[in-house]
Amino acid sequence: MTALLWPLFVAACEATLEKDMELASGSFAGMEKKQGMNNAVKAWEVVQEVWRRVDFREDAEVNWRNICQERGFNIVLG
Protein backbone atom coordinates (compact mmCIF):
# COMPACT_ATOMS: atom_id res chain seq x y z
CA MET A 1 0.00 0.00 0.00
CA THR A 2 2.83 2.44 0.73
CA ALA A 3 3.97 2.26 -2.89
CA LEU A 4 0.52 3.40 -3.99
CA LEU A 5 0.65 6.64 -2.02
CA TRP A 6 2.78 8.61 -4.49
CA PRO A 7 0.66 8.08 -7.64
CA LEU A 8 -2.56 8.44 -5.67
CA PHE A 9 -1.35 11.64 -4.02
CA VAL A 10 -0.21 13.23 -7.28
CA ALA A 11 -3.37 12.25 -9.14
CA ALA A 12 -5.55 13.51 -6.28
CA CYS A 13 -3.75 16.87 -6.11
CA GLU A 14 -4.35 17.31 -9.85
CA ALA A 15 -8.01 16.20 -9.78
CA THR A 16 -10.47 18.81 -10.95
CA LEU A 17 -13.56 16.73 -11.71
CA GLU A 18 -15.87 15.72 -8.89
CA LYS A 19 -15.83 12.12 -10.14
CA ASP A 20 -12.03 12.00 -9.85
CA MET A 21 -12.13 13.59 -6.39
CA GLU A 22 -14.63 10.95 -5.26
CA LEU A 23 -12.34 8.18 -6.52
CA ALA A 24 -9.39 9.69 -4.69
CA SER A 25 -11.43 10.10 -1.53
CA GLY A 26 -12.49 6.46 -1.61
CA SER A 27 -8.94 5.31 -2.27
CA PHE A 28 -7.54 7.29 0.65
CA ALA A 29 -10.32 5.98 2.90
CA GLY A 30 -9.54 2.40 1.88
CA MET A 31 -5.83 2.91 2.44
CA GLU A 32 -6.40 4.37 5.90
CA LYS A 33 -8.81 1.58 6.85
CA LYS A 34 -6.47 -1.22 5.74
CA GLN A 35 -3.15 0.27 6.78
CA GLY A 36 -3.93 3.01 9.29
CA MET A 37 -0.85 4.85 8.04
CA ASN A 38 -0.34 8.25 9.62
CA ASN A 39 1.58 9.20 6.49
CA ALA A 40 -1.49 8.57 4.31
CA VAL A 41 -3.67 10.56 6.70
CA LYS A 42 -1.36 13.57 6.40
CA ALA A 43 -1.22 13.18 2.62
CA TRP A 44 -5.03 13.15 2.52
CA GLU A 45 -5.12 16.35 4.60
CA VAL A 46 -2.80 18.01 2.11
CA VAL A 47 -4.92 16.88 -0.86
CA GLN A 48 -8.06 18.28 0.76
CA GLU A 49 -6.30 21.59 1.39
CA VAL A 50 -5.12 21.72 -2.24
CA TRP A 51 -8.72 21.23 -3.36
CA ARG A 52 -9.98 23.85 -0.92
CA ARG A 53 -7.48 26.44 -2.11
CA VAL A 54 -8.18 25.74 -5.76
CA ASP A 55 -11.93 26.00 -5.10
CA PHE A 56 -11.59 29.32 -3.29
CA ARG A 57 -8.87 30.62 -5.59
CA GLU A 58 -6.80 31.63 -2.56
CA ASP A 59 -3.57 31.08 -4.44
CA ALA A 60 -2.97 31.61 -8.13
CA GLU A 61 -0.87 28.46 -8.06
CA VAL A 62 -1.44 25.88 -5.34
CA ASN A 63 1.68 23.93 -4.39
CA TRP A 64 1.31 20.92 -2.13
CA ARG A 65 4.89 21.37 -0.91
CA ASN A 66 3.98 24.77 0.52
CA ILE A 67 1.03 23.25 2.36
CA CYS A 68 3.28 20.55 3.84
CA GLN A 69 5.73 23.21 4.99
CA GLU A 70 2.96 25.34 6.53
CA ARG A 71 1.70 22.34 8.52
CA GLY A 72 5.12 20.96 9.40
CA PHE A 73 4.41 17.71 7.53
CA ASN A 74 7.16 15.51 6.19
CA ILE A 75 5.23 13.09 4.00
CA VAL A 76 7.11 10.06 2.67
CA LEU A 77 5.65 9.39 -0.76
CA GLY A 78 7.97 6.69 -2.06
PDB file of N, CA and C in Angstrom:
ATOM      1  N   MET A   1       0.808  -1.201   0.000  1.00  0.00           N
ATOM      2  CA  MET A   1       0.000   0.000   0.000  1.00  0.00           C
ATOM      3  C   MET A   1       0.853   1.268   0.000  1.00  0.00           C
ATOM      4  N   THR A   2       1.994   1.255   0.671  1.00  0.00           N
ATOM      5  CA  THR A   2       2.828   2.444   0.726  1.00  0.00           C
ATOM      6  C   THR A   2       3.245   2.883  -0.667  1.00  0.00           C
ATOM      7  N   ALA A   3       3.545   1.935  -1.536  1.00  0.00           N
ATOM      8  CA  ALA A   3       3.971   2.262  -2.891  1.00  0.00           C
ATOM      9  C   ALA A   3       2.864   2.948  -3.683  1.00  0.00           C
ATOM     10  N   LEU A   4       1.631   2.779  -3.278  1.00  0.00           N
ATOM     11  CA  LEU A   4       0.519   3.396  -3.990  1.00  0.00           C
ATOM     12  C   LEU A   4       0.285   4.847  -3.590  1.00  0.00           C
ATOM     13  N   LEU A   5       0.913   5.297  -2.517  1.00  0.00           N
ATOM     14  CA  LEU A   5       0.653   6.640  -2.020  1.00  0.00           C
ATOM     15  C   LEU A   5       1.093   7.716  -3.012  1.00  0.00           C
ATOM     16  N   TRP A   6       2.270   7.587  -3.589  1.00  0.00           N
ATOM     17  CA  TRP A   6       2.782   8.613  -4.492  1.00  0.00           C
ATOM     18  C   TRP A   6       1.860   8.844  -5.691  1.00  0.00           C
ATOM     19  N   PRO A   7       1.541   7.806  -6.492  1.00  0.00           N
ATOM     20  CA  PRO A   7       0.664   8.077  -7.641  1.00  0.00           C
ATOM     21  C   PRO A   7      -0.736   8.547  -7.231  1.00  0.00           C
ATOM     22  N   LEU A   8      -1.253   8.017  -6.142  1.00  0.00           N
ATOM     23  CA  LEU A   8      -2.564   8.443  -5.666  1.00  0.00           C
ATOM     24  C   LEU A   8      -2.518   9.906  -5.245  1.00  0.00           C
ATOM     25  N   PHE A   9      -1.494  10.273  -4.499  1.00  0.00           N
ATOM     26  CA  PHE A   9      -1.350  11.638  -4.018  1.00  0.00           C
ATOM     27  C   PHE A   9      -1.254  12.631  -5.179  1.00  0.00           C
ATOM     28  N   VAL A  10      -0.401  12.334  -6.137  1.00  0.00           N
ATOM     29  CA  VAL A  10      -0.209  13.233  -7.275  1.00  0.00           C
ATOM     30  C   VAL A  10      -1.492  13.353  -8.087  1.00  0.00           C
ATOM     31  N   ALA A  11      -2.130  12.227  -8.375  1.00  0.00           N
ATOM     32  CA  ALA A  11      -3.375  12.255  -9.140  1.00  0.00           C
ATOM     33  C   ALA A  11      -4.457  13.024  -8.386  1.00  0.00           C
ATOM     34  N   ALA A  12      -4.540  12.824  -7.087  1.00  0.00           N
ATOM     35  CA  ALA A  12      -5.553  13.514  -6.282  1.00  0.00           C
ATOM     36  C   ALA A  12      -5.306  15.020  -6.258  1.00  0.00           C
ATOM     37  N   CYS A  13      -4.062  15.435  -6.126  1.00  0.00           N
ATOM     38  CA  CYS A  13      -3.747  16.868  -6.114  1.00  0.00           C
ATOM     39  C   CYS A  13      -4.118  17.532  -7.444  1.00  0.00           C
ATOM     40  N   GLU A  14      -4.053  16.772  -8.526  1.00  0.00           N
ATOM     41  CA  GLU A  14      -4.355  17.308  -9.853  1.00  0.00           C
ATOM     42  C   GLU A  14      -5.827  17.168 -10.235  1.00  0.00           C
ATOM     43  N   ALA A  15      -6.601  16.460  -9.442  1.00  0.00           N
ATOM     44  CA  ALA A  15      -8.006  16.205  -9.776  1.00  0.00           C
ATOM     45  C   ALA A  15      -8.808  17.506  -9.804  1.00  0.00           C
ATOM     46  N   THR A  16      -9.616  17.635 -10.837  1.00  0.00           N
ATOM     47  CA  THR A  16     -10.474  18.812 -10.948  1.00  0.00           C
ATOM     48  C   THR A  16     -11.941  18.430 -11.118  1.00  0.00           C
ATOM     49  N   LEU A  17     -12.187  17.206 -11.534  1.00  0.00           N
ATOM     50  CA  LEU A  17     -13.560  16.732 -11.710  1.00  0.00           C
ATOM     51  C   LEU A  17     -14.051  16.074 -10.434  1.00  0.00           C
ATOM     52  N   GLU A  18     -15.304  16.299 -10.114  1.00  0.00           N
ATOM     53  CA  GLU A  18     -15.874  15.724  -8.893  1.00  0.00           C
ATOM     54  C   GLU A  18     -15.749  14.199  -8.886  1.00  0.00           C
ATOM     55  N   LYS A  19     -15.940  13.574 -10.027  1.00  0.00           N
ATOM     56  CA  LYS A  19     -15.830  12.120 -10.143  1.00  0.00           C
ATOM     57  C   LYS A  19     -14.428  11.641  -9.740  1.00  0.00           C
ATOM     58  N   ASP A  20     -13.408  12.360 -10.188  1.00  0.00           N
ATOM     59  CA  ASP A  20     -12.028  11.999  -9.849  1.00  0.00           C
ATOM     60  C   ASP A  20     -11.744  12.230  -8.365  1.00  0.00           C
ATOM     61  N   MET A  21     -12.310  13.298  -7.818  1.00  0.00           N
ATOM     62  CA  MET A  21     -12.129  13.586  -6.395  1.00  0.00           C
ATOM     63  C   MET A  21     -12.792  12.505  -5.545  1.00  0.00           C
ATOM     64  N   GLU A  22     -13.950  12.032  -5.979  1.00  0.00           N
ATOM     65  CA  GLU A  22     -14.632  10.954  -5.256  1.00  0.00           C
ATOM     66  C   GLU A  22     -13.808   9.663  -5.285  1.00  0.00           C
ATOM     67  N   LEU A  23     -13.204   9.363  -6.429  1.00  0.00           N
ATOM     68  CA  LEU A  23     -12.342   8.177  -6.524  1.00  0.00           C
ATOM     69  C   LEU A  23     -11.139   8.302  -5.583  1.00  0.00           C
ATOM     70  N   ALA A  24     -10.539   9.472  -5.572  1.00  0.00           N
ATOM     71  CA  ALA A  24      -9.388   9.694  -4.691  1.00  0.00           C
ATOM     72  C   ALA A  24      -9.799   9.579  -3.228  1.00  0.00           C
ATOM     73  N   SER A  25     -10.930  10.160  -2.903  1.00  0.00           N
ATOM     74  CA  SER A  25     -11.427  10.105  -1.532  1.00  0.00           C
ATOM     75  C   SER A  25     -11.637   8.659  -1.082  1.00  0.00           C
ATOM     76  N   GLY A  26     -12.272   7.865  -1.931  1.00  0.00           N
ATOM     77  CA  GLY A  26     -12.493   6.456  -1.614  1.00  0.00           C
ATOM     78  C   GLY A  26     -11.198   5.679  -1.483  1.00  0.00           C
ATOM     79  N   SER A  27     -10.240   5.999  -2.325  1.00  0.00           N
ATOM     80  CA  SER A  27      -8.940   5.314  -2.272  1.00  0.00           C
ATOM     81  C   SER A  27      -8.188   5.642  -0.991  1.00  0.00           C
ATOM     82  N   PHE A  28      -8.198   6.909  -0.606  1.00  0.00           N
ATOM     83  CA  PHE A  28      -7.539   7.287   0.649  1.00  0.00           C
ATOM     84  C   PHE A  28      -8.246   6.644   1.842  1.00  0.00           C
ATOM     85  N   ALA A  29      -9.564   6.601   1.809  1.00  0.00           N
ATOM     86  CA  ALA A  29     -10.318   5.977   2.903  1.00  0.00           C
ATOM     87  C   ALA A  29      -9.972   4.497   3.008  1.00  0.00           C
ATOM     88  N   GLY A  30      -9.896   3.819   1.877  1.00  0.00           N
ATOM     89  CA  GLY A  30      -9.538   2.402   1.879  1.00  0.00           C
ATOM     90  C   GLY A  30      -8.127   2.168   2.389  1.00  0.00           C
ATOM     91  N   MET A  31      -7.215   3.041   1.994  1.00  0.00           N
ATOM     92  CA  MET A  31      -5.825   2.911   2.441  1.00  0.00           C
ATOM     93  C   MET A  31      -5.733   3.111   3.954  1.00  0.00           C
ATOM     94  N   GLU A  32      -6.432   4.107   4.456  1.00  0.00           N
ATOM     95  CA  GLU A  32      -6.404   4.371   5.897  1.00  0.00           C
ATOM     96  C   GLU A  32      -7.021   3.213   6.676  1.00  0.00           C
ATOM     97  N   LYS A  33      -8.119   2.675   6.163  1.00  0.00           N
ATOM     98  CA  LYS A  33      -8.807   1.578   6.852  1.00  0.00           C
ATOM     99  C   LYS A  33      -7.943   0.318   6.908  1.00  0.00           C
ATOM    100  N   LYS A  34      -7.286   0.001   5.792  1.00  0.00           N
ATOM    101  CA  LYS A  34      -6.471  -1.215   5.743  1.00  0.00           C
ATOM    102  C   LYS A  34      -5.129  -1.069   6.440  1.00  0.00           C
ATOM    103  N   GLN A  35      -4.509   0.089   6.286  1.00  0.00           N
ATOM    104  CA  GLN A  35      -3.150   0.267   6.783  1.00  0.00           C
ATOM    105  C   GLN A  35      -3.056   1.149   8.020  1.00  0.00           C
ATOM    106  N   GLY A  36      -3.985   2.087   8.161  1.00  0.00           N
ATOM    107  CA  GLY A  36      -3.932   3.008   9.292  1.00  0.00           C
ATOM    108  C   GLY A  36      -2.657   3.829   9.316  1.00  0.00           C
ATOM    109  N   MET A  37      -2.130   4.143   8.140  1.00  0.00           N
ATOM    110  CA  MET A  37      -0.854   4.847   8.045  1.00  0.00           C
ATOM    111  C   MET A  37      -1.027   6.334   8.318  1.00  0.00           C
ATOM    112  N   ASN A  38      -0.310   6.831   9.299  1.00  0.00           N
ATOM    113  CA  ASN A  38      -0.336   8.250   9.616  1.00  0.00           C
ATOM    114  C   ASN A  38       0.113   9.075   8.419  1.00  0.00           C
ATOM    115  N   ASN A  39       1.071   8.544   7.670  1.00  0.00           N
ATOM    116  CA  ASN A  39       1.581   9.204   6.486  1.00  0.00           C
ATOM    117  C   ASN A  39       0.463   9.438   5.468  1.00  0.00           C
ATOM    118  N   ALA A  40      -0.380   8.451   5.260  1.00  0.00           N
ATOM    119  CA  ALA A  40      -1.493   8.570   4.314  1.00  0.00           C
ATOM    120  C   ALA A  40      -2.526   9.575   4.823  1.00  0.00           C
ATOM    121  N   VAL A  41      -2.728   9.611   6.118  1.00  0.00           N
ATOM    122  CA  VAL A  41      -3.675  10.563   6.705  1.00  0.00           C
ATOM    123  C   VAL A  41      -3.193  11.996   6.449  1.00  0.00           C
ATOM    124  N   LYS A  42      -1.914  12.233   6.654  1.00  0.00           N
ATOM    125  CA  LYS A  42      -1.358  13.568   6.403  1.00  0.00           C
ATOM    126  C   LYS A  42      -1.442  13.916   4.921  1.00  0.00           C
ATOM    127  N   ALA A  43      -1.141  12.950   4.064  1.00  0.00           N
ATOM    128  CA  ALA A  43      -1.224  13.182   2.619  1.00  0.00           C
ATOM    129  C   ALA A  43      -2.647  13.544   2.227  1.00  0.00           C
ATOM    130  N   TRP A  44      -3.629  12.863   2.806  1.00  0.00           N
ATOM    131  CA  TRP A  44      -5.027  13.146   2.521  1.00  0.00           C
ATOM    132  C   TRP A  44      -5.393  14.559   2.977  1.00  0.00           C
ATOM    133  N   GLU A  45      -4.885  14.978   4.126  1.00  0.00           N
ATOM    134  CA  GLU A  45      -5.123  16.346   4.603  1.00  0.00           C
ATOM    135  C   GLU A  45      -4.594  17.367   3.598  1.00  0.00           C
ATOM    136  N   VAL A  46      -3.416  17.096   3.073  1.00  0.00           N
ATOM    137  CA  VAL A  46      -2.804  18.009   2.110  1.00  0.00           C
ATOM    138  C   VAL A  46      -3.643  18.065   0.834  1.00  0.00           C
ATOM    139  N   VAL A  47      -4.085  16.924   0.349  1.00  0.00           N
ATOM    140  CA  VAL A  47      -4.920  16.879  -0.856  1.00  0.00           C
ATOM    141  C   VAL A  47      -6.188  17.706  -0.649  1.00  0.00           C
ATOM    142  N   GLN A  48      -6.828  17.530   0.478  1.00  0.00           N
ATOM    143  CA  GLN A  48      -8.056  18.285   0.756  1.00  0.00           C
ATOM    144  C   GLN A  48      -7.796  19.790   0.800  1.00  0.00           C
ATOM    145  N   GLU A  49      -6.644  20.171   1.336  1.00  0.00           N
ATOM    146  CA  GLU A  49      -6.299  21.590   1.390  1.00  0.00           C
ATOM    147  C   GLU A  49      -6.003  22.122  -0.018  1.00  0.00           C
ATOM    148  N   VAL A  50      -5.345  21.323  -0.850  1.00  0.00           N
ATOM    149  CA  VAL A  50      -5.118  21.720  -2.245  1.00  0.00           C
ATOM    150  C   VAL A  50      -6.464  21.987  -2.906  1.00  0.00           C
ATOM    151  N   TRP A  51      -7.394  21.059  -2.758  1.00  0.00           N
ATOM    152  CA  TRP A  51      -8.718  21.226  -3.363  1.00  0.00           C
ATOM    153  C   TRP A  51      -9.413  22.473  -2.835  1.00  0.00           C
ATOM    154  N   ARG A  52      -9.323  22.696  -1.520  1.00  0.00           N
ATOM    155  CA  ARG A  52      -9.976  23.854  -0.923  1.00  0.00           C
ATOM    156  C   ARG A  52      -9.409  25.149  -1.502  1.00  0.00           C
ATOM    157  N   ARG A  53      -8.104  25.217  -1.598  1.00  0.00           N
ATOM    158  CA  ARG A  53      -7.478  26.439  -2.110  1.00  0.00           C
ATOM    159  C   ARG A  53      -7.785  26.665  -3.584  1.00  0.00           C
ATOM    160  N   VAL A  54      -7.824  25.612  -4.345  1.00  0.00           N
ATOM    161  CA  VAL A  54      -8.178  25.744  -5.760  1.00  0.00           C
ATOM    162  C   VAL A  54      -9.625  26.208  -5.880  1.00  0.00           C
ATOM    163  N   ASP A  55     -10.519  25.626  -5.068  1.00  0.00           N
ATOM    164  CA  ASP A  55     -11.931  26.005  -5.101  1.00  0.00           C
ATOM    165  C   ASP A  55     -12.143  27.476  -4.744  1.00  0.00           C
ATOM    166  N   PHE A  56     -11.409  27.953  -3.764  1.00  0.00           N
ATOM    167  CA  PHE A  56     -11.594  29.323  -3.294  1.00  0.00           C
ATOM    168  C   PHE A  56     -10.626  30.302  -3.951  1.00  0.00           C
ATOM    169  N   ARG A  57      -9.815  29.789  -4.843  1.00  0.00           N
ATOM    170  CA  ARG A  57      -8.870  30.620  -5.586  1.00  0.00           C
ATOM    171  C   ARG A  57      -8.015  31.479  -4.651  1.00  0.00           C
ATOM    172  N   GLU A  58      -7.655  30.903  -3.508  1.00  0.00           N
ATOM    173  CA  GLU A  58      -6.805  31.634  -2.562  1.00  0.00           C
ATOM    174  C   GLU A  58      -5.438  31.926  -3.166  1.00  0.00           C
ATOM    175  N   ASP A  59      -4.887  30.950  -3.834  1.00  0.00           N
ATOM    176  CA  ASP A  59      -3.570  31.082  -4.443  1.00  0.00           C
ATOM    177  C   ASP A  59      -3.714  30.947  -5.951  1.00  0.00           C
ATOM    178  N   ALA A  60      -2.954  31.741  -6.685  1.00  0.00           N
ATOM    179  CA  ALA A  60      -2.974  31.611  -8.134  1.00  0.00           C
ATOM    180  C   ALA A  60      -2.448  30.232  -8.520  1.00  0.00           C
ATOM    181  N   GLU A  61      -1.449  29.776  -7.806  1.00  0.00           N
ATOM    182  CA  GLU A  61      -0.870  28.462  -8.058  1.00  0.00           C
ATOM    183  C   GLU A  61      -0.756  27.733  -6.718  1.00  0.00           C
ATOM    184  N   VAL A  62      -1.441  26.638  -6.588  1.00  0.00           N
ATOM    185  CA  VAL A  62      -1.437  25.881  -5.339  1.00  0.00           C
ATOM    186  C   VAL A  62      -0.325  24.841  -5.413  1.00  0.00           C
ATOM    187  N   ASN A  63       0.557  24.863  -4.433  1.00  0.00           N
ATOM    188  CA  ASN A  63       1.677  23.929  -4.394  1.00  0.00           C
ATOM    189  C   ASN A  63       1.573  23.101  -3.125  1.00  0.00           C
ATOM    190  N   TRP A  64       1.458  21.798  -3.281  1.00  0.00           N
ATOM    191  CA  TRP A  64       1.309  20.920  -2.127  1.00  0.00           C
ATOM    192  C   TRP A  64       2.526  20.988  -1.204  1.00  0.00           C
ATOM    193  N   ARG A  65       3.683  21.270  -1.750  1.00  0.00           N
ATOM    194  CA  ARG A  65       4.889  21.368  -0.909  1.00  0.00           C
ATOM    195  C   ARG A  65       4.769  22.524   0.084  1.00  0.00           C
ATOM    196  N   ASN A  66       4.187  23.623  -0.371  1.00  0.00           N
ATOM    197  CA  ASN A  66       3.982  24.766   0.523  1.00  0.00           C
ATOM    198  C   ASN A  66       3.024  24.413   1.653  1.00  0.00           C
ATOM    199  N   ILE A  67       1.992  23.656   1.336  1.00  0.00           N
ATOM    200  CA  ILE A  67       1.028  23.245   2.356  1.00  0.00           C
ATOM    201  C   ILE A  67       1.710  22.352   3.387  1.00  0.00           C
ATOM    202  N   CYS A  68       2.539  21.422   2.913  1.00  0.00           N
ATOM    203  CA  CYS A  68       3.282  20.554   3.839  1.00  0.00           C
ATOM    204  C   CYS A  68       4.171  21.380   4.757  1.00  0.00           C
ATOM    205  N   GLN A  69       4.843  22.357   4.191  1.00  0.00           N
ATOM    206  CA  GLN A  69       5.730  23.207   4.985  1.00  0.00           C
ATOM    207  C   GLN A  69       4.938  24.004   6.016  1.00  0.00           C
ATOM    208  N   GLU A  70       3.804  24.567   5.616  1.00  0.00           N
ATOM    209  CA  GLU A  70       2.965  25.342   6.533  1.00  0.00           C
ATOM    210  C   GLU A  70       2.512  24.500   7.724  1.00  0.00           C
ATOM    211  N   ARG A  71       2.222  23.220   7.467  1.00  0.00           N
ATOM    212  CA  ARG A  71       1.699  22.343   8.518  1.00  0.00           C
ATOM    213  C   ARG A  71       2.792  21.554   9.236  1.00  0.00           C
ATOM    214  N   GLY A  72       4.016  21.685   8.787  1.00  0.00           N
ATOM    215  CA  GLY A  72       5.119  20.961   9.403  1.00  0.00           C
ATOM    216  C   GLY A  72       5.093  19.471   9.083  1.00  0.00           C
ATOM    217  N   PHE A  73       4.498  19.118   7.944  1.00  0.00           N
ATOM    218  CA  PHE A  73       4.411  17.710   7.531  1.00  0.00           C
ATOM    219  C   PHE A  73       5.636  17.314   6.721  1.00  0.00           C
ATOM    220  N   ASN A  74       6.105  16.127   6.983  1.00  0.00           N
ATOM    221  CA  ASN A  74       7.162  15.513   6.188  1.00  0.00           C
ATOM    222  C   ASN A  74       6.593  14.200   5.669  1.00  0.00           C
ATOM    223  N   ILE A  75       5.927  14.270   4.540  1.00  0.00           N
ATOM    224  CA  ILE A  75       5.230  13.093   3.999  1.00  0.00           C
ATOM    225  C   ILE A  75       6.198  12.278   3.153  1.00  0.00           C
ATOM    226  N   VAL A  76       6.277  10.985   3.438  1.00  0.00           N
ATOM    227  CA  VAL A  76       7.106  10.064   2.674  1.00  0.00           C
ATOM    228  C   VAL A  76       6.214   9.475   1.591  1.00  0.00           C
ATOM    229  N   LEU A  77       6.521   9.803   0.340  1.00  0.00           N
ATOM    230  CA  LEU A  77       5.651   9.387  -0.761  1.00  0.00           C
ATOM    231  C   LEU A  77       6.211   8.217  -1.558  1.00  0.00           C
ATOM    232  N   GLY A  78       7.405   7.788  -1.271  1.00  0.00           N
ATOM    233  CA  GLY A  78       7.973   6.693  -2.059  1.00  0.00           C
ATOM    234  C   GLY A  78       8.481   5.565  -1.221  1.00  0.00           C
TER     235      GLY A  78
END
